[in-house]
């Protein structure tokens, strides 16, 4: 999972780019990604997939973990067990 600090905000928060492979068996409710460069993810600036799925990324609010949910182009969450291993999810997060 490549992860790079790509900048800082005026307040000193880090901006981090993370790429991760999606799971071969998508779990109901999404999967989690840990942003190792941060102690706390305050918000997600951008979240997208390589294959055109809609990506929702939800920071835990208390840690460096983000829950990633994947939706079809119709707006429904992909079915539990769907093989998304060909997908790469890219997140741009802000925190410290």
N, C-alpha and C. Protein backbone atom coordinates (compact mmCIF):
# COMPACT_ATOMS: atom_id res chain seq x y z
N UNK A 1 0.85 -1.18 0.00
CA UNK A 1 0.00 0.00 0.00
C UNK A 1 0.90 1.23 0.00
N UNK A 2 1.10 1.84 -1.15
CA UNK A 2 1.91 3.06 -1.17
C UNK A 2 1.21 4.20 -0.42
N UNK A 3 1.99 4.91 0.37
CA UNK A 3 1.47 6.04 1.13
C UNK A 3 2.54 7.13 1.13
N UNK A 4 2.11 8.35 0.80
CA UNK A 4 3.06 9.46 0.72
C UNK A 4 2.46 10.71 1.34
N UNK A 5 3.26 11.42 2.14
CA UNK A 5 2.87 12.75 2.60
C UNK A 5 3.12 13.68 1.42
N UNK A 6 2.07 14.32 0.92
CA UNK A 6 2.20 15.15 -0.28
C UNK A 6 2.14 16.64 0.01
N UNK A 7 1.94 17.01 1.28
CA UNK A 7 1.92 18.42 1.62
C UNK A 7 1.50 18.64 3.06
N UNK A 8 1.45 19.91 3.43
CA UNK A 8 0.96 20.30 4.75
C UNK A 8 0.03 21.50 4.58
N UNK A 9 -0.88 21.64 5.51
CA UNK A 9 -1.78 22.79 5.51
C UNK A 9 -1.10 23.95 6.23
N UNK A 10 -1.70 25.13 6.15
CA UNK A 10 -1.17 26.30 6.84
C UNK A 10 -1.11 26.07 8.36
N UNK A 11 -2.01 25.19 8.86
CA UNK A 11 -2.05 24.89 10.29
C UNK A 11 -1.09 23.77 10.69
N UNK A 12 -0.35 23.22 9.72
CA UNK A 12 0.61 22.17 10.02
C UNK A 12 0.08 20.76 9.93
N UNK A 13 -1.14 20.59 9.47
CA UNK A 13 -1.69 19.24 9.30
C UNK A 13 -1.08 18.61 8.05
N UNK A 14 -0.93 17.30 8.07
CA UNK A 14 -0.37 16.59 6.92
C UNK A 14 -1.44 16.22 5.91
N UNK A 15 -1.08 16.27 4.64
CA UNK A 15 -1.94 15.80 3.55
C UNK A 15 -1.29 14.53 3.03
N UNK A 16 -2.04 13.41 3.06
CA UNK A 16 -1.46 12.10 2.76
C UNK A 16 -2.22 11.44 1.61
N UNK A 17 -1.46 10.94 0.63
CA UNK A 17 -2.00 10.16 -0.48
C UNK A 17 -1.74 8.69 -0.19
N UNK A 18 -2.82 7.89 -0.20
CA UNK A 18 -2.71 6.46 0.08
C UNK A 18 -3.39 5.69 -1.03
N UNK A 19 -2.74 4.64 -1.53
CA UNK A 19 -3.35 3.75 -2.50
C UNK A 19 -3.36 2.35 -1.92
N UNK A 20 -4.50 1.68 -2.06
CA UNK A 20 -4.65 0.35 -1.48
C UNK A 20 -5.48 -0.51 -2.44
N UNK A 21 -5.15 -1.79 -2.49
CA UNK A 21 -5.94 -2.72 -3.28
C UNK A 21 -7.24 -3.04 -2.55
N UNK A 22 -8.32 -3.11 -3.31
CA UNK A 22 -9.61 -3.47 -2.71
C UNK A 22 -9.62 -4.98 -2.45
N UNK A 23 -10.47 -5.45 -1.55
CA UNK A 23 -10.45 -6.87 -1.17
C UNK A 23 -11.02 -7.80 -2.24
N UNK A 24 -10.60 -9.05 -2.18
CA UNK A 24 -11.11 -10.07 -3.11
C UNK A 24 -12.51 -10.54 -2.69
N UNK A 25 -12.87 -10.25 -1.46
CA UNK A 25 -14.22 -10.55 -0.97
C UNK A 25 -14.70 -9.34 -0.16
N UNK A 26 -15.46 -8.48 -0.81
CA UNK A 26 -15.89 -7.22 -0.18
C UNK A 26 -16.78 -7.52 1.02
N UNK A 27 -16.44 -6.95 2.20
CA UNK A 27 -17.27 -7.18 3.39
C UNK A 27 -18.45 -6.20 3.44
N UNK A 28 -19.59 -6.66 3.90
CA UNK A 28 -20.75 -5.79 4.06
C UNK A 28 -20.36 -4.61 4.93
N UNK A 29 -20.70 -3.41 4.51
CA UNK A 29 -20.38 -2.22 5.29
C UNK A 29 -19.03 -1.62 4.99
N UNK A 30 -18.24 -2.27 4.14
CA UNK A 30 -16.96 -1.71 3.74
C UNK A 30 -15.77 -2.34 4.42
N UNK A 31 -14.60 -1.86 4.05
CA UNK A 31 -13.34 -2.34 4.62
C UNK A 31 -12.57 -1.16 5.19
N UNK A 32 -11.61 -1.44 6.06
CA UNK A 32 -10.88 -0.36 6.70
C UNK A 32 -9.48 -0.22 6.13
N UNK A 33 -9.01 1.03 6.15
CA UNK A 33 -7.65 1.37 5.72
C UNK A 33 -7.02 2.18 6.85
N UNK A 34 -5.82 1.81 7.24
CA UNK A 34 -5.07 2.55 8.25
C UNK A 34 -4.09 3.48 7.55
N UNK A 35 -4.16 4.76 7.88
CA UNK A 35 -3.26 5.76 7.31
C UNK A 35 -2.08 5.89 8.28
N UNK A 36 -1.01 5.17 7.99
CA UNK A 36 0.13 5.04 8.92
C UNK A 36 0.84 6.35 9.21
N UNK A 37 0.81 7.29 8.27
CA UNK A 37 1.51 8.57 8.46
C UNK A 37 0.79 9.51 9.42
N UNK A 38 -0.43 9.16 9.81
CA UNK A 38 -1.23 10.02 10.68
C UNK A 38 -1.60 9.30 11.98
N UNK A 39 -1.81 10.08 13.02
CA UNK A 39 -2.38 9.56 14.27
C UNK A 39 -3.89 9.70 14.25
N UNK A 40 -4.36 10.77 13.56
CA UNK A 40 -5.79 11.05 13.46
C UNK A 40 -6.11 11.56 12.06
N UNK A 41 -7.05 10.91 11.40
CA UNK A 41 -7.57 11.42 10.13
C UNK A 41 -8.72 12.35 10.46
N UNK A 42 -8.57 13.62 10.12
CA UNK A 42 -9.63 14.59 10.39
C UNK A 42 -10.69 14.57 9.30
N UNK A 43 -10.25 14.48 8.04
CA UNK A 43 -11.22 14.38 6.95
C UNK A 43 -10.54 13.83 5.70
N UNK A 44 -11.38 13.43 4.74
CA UNK A 44 -10.92 12.87 3.48
C UNK A 44 -11.20 13.91 2.39
N UNK A 45 -10.15 14.33 1.69
CA UNK A 45 -10.31 15.30 0.60
C UNK A 45 -10.82 14.64 -0.67
N UNK A 46 -10.36 13.41 -0.93
CA UNK A 46 -10.69 12.73 -2.18
C UNK A 46 -10.65 11.23 -1.97
N UNK A 47 -11.55 10.53 -2.64
CA UNK A 47 -11.58 9.07 -2.59
C UNK A 47 -12.13 8.56 -3.92
N UNK A 48 -11.36 7.70 -4.59
CA UNK A 48 -11.84 7.18 -5.87
C UNK A 48 -11.21 5.82 -6.16
N UNK A 49 -11.79 5.11 -7.12
CA UNK A 49 -11.29 3.80 -7.49
C UNK A 49 -10.80 3.82 -8.93
N UNK A 50 -9.95 2.87 -9.25
CA UNK A 50 -9.38 2.79 -10.59
C UNK A 50 -10.40 2.35 -11.63
N UNK A 51 -11.47 1.69 -11.20
CA UNK A 51 -12.43 1.13 -12.15
C UNK A 51 -13.74 1.87 -12.28
N UNK A 52 -13.83 3.05 -11.70
CA UNK A 52 -15.04 3.84 -11.86
C UNK A 52 -16.12 3.61 -10.82
N UNK A 53 -15.86 2.78 -9.84
CA UNK A 53 -16.83 2.64 -8.74
C UNK A 53 -16.88 3.95 -7.96
N UNK A 54 -17.98 4.17 -7.27
CA UNK A 54 -18.12 5.32 -6.38
C UNK A 54 -17.54 4.91 -5.03
N UNK A 55 -16.70 5.75 -4.46
CA UNK A 55 -16.04 5.43 -3.19
C UNK A 55 -16.47 6.43 -2.12
N UNK A 56 -16.88 5.91 -0.98
CA UNK A 56 -17.17 6.73 0.20
C UNK A 56 -16.12 6.37 1.25
N UNK A 57 -15.44 7.36 1.78
CA UNK A 57 -14.42 7.13 2.80
C UNK A 57 -14.80 7.88 4.06
N UNK A 58 -14.93 7.15 5.16
CA UNK A 58 -15.43 7.71 6.41
C UNK A 58 -14.36 7.60 7.49
N UNK A 59 -13.79 8.74 7.94
CA UNK A 59 -12.81 8.68 9.03
C UNK A 59 -13.48 8.21 10.32
N UNK A 60 -12.70 7.49 11.14
CA UNK A 60 -13.26 7.00 12.40
C UNK A 60 -13.60 8.14 13.35
N UNK A 61 -12.86 9.25 13.23
CA UNK A 61 -13.08 10.38 14.13
C UNK A 61 -12.21 10.32 15.37
N UNK A 62 -11.61 9.16 15.63
CA UNK A 62 -10.79 9.01 16.84
C UNK A 62 -9.44 8.38 16.56
N UNK A 63 -9.15 8.04 15.29
CA UNK A 63 -7.88 7.36 15.00
C UNK A 63 -7.45 7.62 13.56
N UNK A 64 -6.51 6.82 13.11
CA UNK A 64 -6.01 6.93 11.74
C UNK A 64 -6.64 5.90 10.80
N UNK A 65 -7.80 5.43 11.16
CA UNK A 65 -8.51 4.42 10.37
C UNK A 65 -9.66 5.06 9.60
N UNK A 66 -9.78 4.66 8.33
CA UNK A 66 -10.84 5.13 7.45
C UNK A 66 -11.62 3.91 6.98
N UNK A 67 -12.95 3.97 7.06
CA UNK A 67 -13.79 2.91 6.49
C UNK A 67 -14.12 3.29 5.05
N UNK A 68 -13.88 2.35 4.14
CA UNK A 68 -14.10 2.57 2.71
C UNK A 68 -15.29 1.74 2.27
N UNK A 69 -16.28 2.41 1.68
CA UNK A 69 -17.44 1.72 1.12
C UNK A 69 -17.44 1.93 -0.39
N UNK A 70 -17.75 0.90 -1.12
CA UNK A 70 -17.72 0.93 -2.58
C UNK A 70 -19.15 0.77 -3.11
N UNK A 71 -19.51 1.65 -4.05
CA UNK A 71 -20.86 1.65 -4.63
C UNK A 71 -20.77 1.50 -6.15
N UNK A 72 -21.79 0.86 -6.71
CA UNK A 72 -21.89 0.77 -8.17
C UNK A 72 -22.27 2.13 -8.73
N UNK A 73 -22.22 2.27 -10.04
CA UNK A 73 -22.57 3.55 -10.65
C UNK A 73 -24.02 3.92 -10.39
N UNK A 74 -24.86 2.95 -10.05
CA UNK A 74 -26.25 3.22 -9.72
C UNK A 74 -26.45 3.72 -8.30
N UNK A 75 -25.38 3.71 -7.50
CA UNK A 75 -25.46 4.24 -6.15
C UNK A 75 -25.74 3.23 -5.06
N UNK A 76 -25.79 1.94 -5.39
CA UNK A 76 -26.00 0.93 -4.35
C UNK A 76 -24.66 0.30 -3.98
N UNK A 77 -24.51 0.00 -2.70
CA UNK A 77 -23.27 -0.62 -2.24
C UNK A 77 -23.11 -1.97 -2.91
N UNK A 78 -21.86 -2.29 -3.32
CA UNK A 78 -21.64 -3.58 -3.96
C UNK A 78 -21.97 -4.69 -2.97
N UNK A 79 -22.34 -5.83 -3.50
CA UNK A 79 -22.76 -6.96 -2.67
C UNK A 79 -21.60 -7.52 -1.86
N UNK A 80 -21.92 -7.97 -0.68
CA UNK A 80 -20.94 -8.64 0.16
C UNK A 80 -20.39 -9.84 -0.60
N UNK A 81 -19.08 -10.02 -0.56
CA UNK A 81 -18.44 -11.13 -1.25
C UNK A 81 -17.96 -10.82 -2.66
N UNK A 82 -18.31 -9.63 -3.19
CA UNK A 82 -17.89 -9.24 -4.53
C UNK A 82 -16.37 -9.16 -4.59
N UNK A 83 -15.79 -9.71 -5.66
CA UNK A 83 -14.34 -9.66 -5.86
C UNK A 83 -13.96 -8.32 -6.47
N UNK A 84 -13.31 -7.47 -5.68
CA UNK A 84 -12.86 -6.15 -6.14
C UNK A 84 -11.34 -6.09 -6.20
N UNK A 85 -10.68 -7.24 -6.22
CA UNK A 85 -9.22 -7.28 -6.13
C UNK A 85 -8.52 -6.59 -7.31
N UNK A 86 -9.22 -6.38 -8.41
CA UNK A 86 -8.62 -5.68 -9.55
C UNK A 86 -8.64 -4.16 -9.35
N UNK A 87 -9.34 -3.69 -8.33
CA UNK A 87 -9.50 -2.25 -8.08
C UNK A 87 -8.40 -1.71 -7.17
N UNK A 88 -7.96 -0.51 -7.47
CA UNK A 88 -7.08 0.24 -6.56
C UNK A 88 -7.87 1.44 -6.07
N UNK A 89 -7.91 1.60 -4.76
CA UNK A 89 -8.60 2.74 -4.14
C UNK A 89 -7.55 3.76 -3.74
N UNK A 90 -7.79 5.02 -4.12
CA UNK A 90 -6.88 6.10 -3.78
C UNK A 90 -7.59 7.07 -2.84
N UNK A 91 -6.93 7.38 -1.73
CA UNK A 91 -7.47 8.30 -0.73
C UNK A 91 -6.51 9.47 -0.52
N UNK A 92 -7.03 10.66 -0.39
CA UNK A 92 -6.25 11.81 0.04
C UNK A 92 -6.87 12.27 1.35
N UNK A 93 -6.09 12.16 2.42
CA UNK A 93 -6.58 12.46 3.76
C UNK A 93 -5.80 13.60 4.38
N UNK A 94 -6.41 14.22 5.39
CA UNK A 94 -5.79 15.32 6.12
C UNK A 94 -5.88 15.01 7.62
N UNK A 95 -4.80 15.22 8.32
CA UNK A 95 -4.81 15.00 9.75
C UNK A 95 -3.45 15.28 10.35
N UNK A 96 -3.22 14.68 11.51
CA UNK A 96 -1.94 14.87 12.20
C UNK A 96 -1.55 13.62 12.94
